[in-house]
Structure formats: C-alpha cells, structure tokens
C-alpha cells in the first residue's frame, strides 16, 4: 500500500506543488512606493534595513485596505491561472486542490477562502 494523506500514492497519484508568488505585486506597483522607501532607507545595518523593508513593510501594506485588495486580487488571479493551466495539461485530474501558505501568505490564503468576493472587488486607486 501507499502512503499519503489521502492514499493517493496507493492509486498511483502524486502531490504537485505549484507556487503562486504574490510578493512582486507590491514591488511592481506603479505608484513608486517602494522606490520612495528605498530612497529614504538608512544605509546603516543593511541586512536589518532590507529585512524591515522586505518583510515588515509587506505586513504594513497588507493592513491598508487598498493594498490588501490589490494583493488578494493578484493572488486570486494567479491561483485561477495556475488551476486553469493545470486542468488543461491534466484533464483527468479529479483530486483535491489544497492551498498552503507561510507567514503573510497563509493570511492571504485564509482571507481568500474566508471572503472570496473581496478578492474579486476592484481595488480603489492608490
């Protein structure tokens, strides 16, 4: 017999991990927020400053409604695209789809599952 959470290995199945990266949606925004942030970041203790800019600021942005909606919409779009392409490439697939997230990614997954219509709502202008 096989091992696995759902016995998929016993049926000859396997687990596929398909990443839906969300981090670039903030970095590629046209409002210049991150360019401004970089220009005012002190040069002292570069590792800690970069960590603060890359991690802590993501949480701060997520707490702002316009950025949160933009992030949720971006991730929902990416997930829908991944699932659509998966189903095109593996038309016989009938297994479950599971979302996993780490840190802020897990909150994004929770919010998408908790209020999926919020992700579809257009984000207000920045």
Foldseek 3Di string as FASTA:
>chain_A
DDDDDVCQVVVVHDDDDDDQDQQVLVVPDPPCPLVVLVVPQDPPPVVVSVCCSRPVVVVVLCVDLLSVLSSLLSSVVSVVVVVVVVCVVVVVDDDDDDDDDDDVGVVSVVCCVVCVVSNVDHRDDD
